[in-house]
Amino acid sequence: MGIGTASTLVYAFAVAFIQSHADRWFGDYWSSRGSASLIITLVVGVGGLLFILWQVYLLIRFAIAFGKAAKKLRREWKQADRALAVA
């Protein structure tokens, strides 16, 4: 999960860097008038946003599942401790 999110952020920063230097590299007004620039920006933006939202969703689901499992194991541990108490 973390590798995918990190690579999405690195890719987004790379596209932002290319967009900021595009006029020098690809000609005047490439980033403001070119359709390729618009498509690249939209694909990166939508793809990155969807990927990060999916990662956050999975993070929340796993946190809930692990919380329930920890609560169940704590309860079983306490019941096992009471059963072995010496009077």
Foldseek 3Di string as FASTA:
>chain_A
DVVVLVVLVVVLVVLVVCLVCVCVVPHHCCCPPPPVNVVVNVCSVVVNVVVVVVVVVVVVVVVVVVVVVVVVVVVVVVVVVVVPDDD
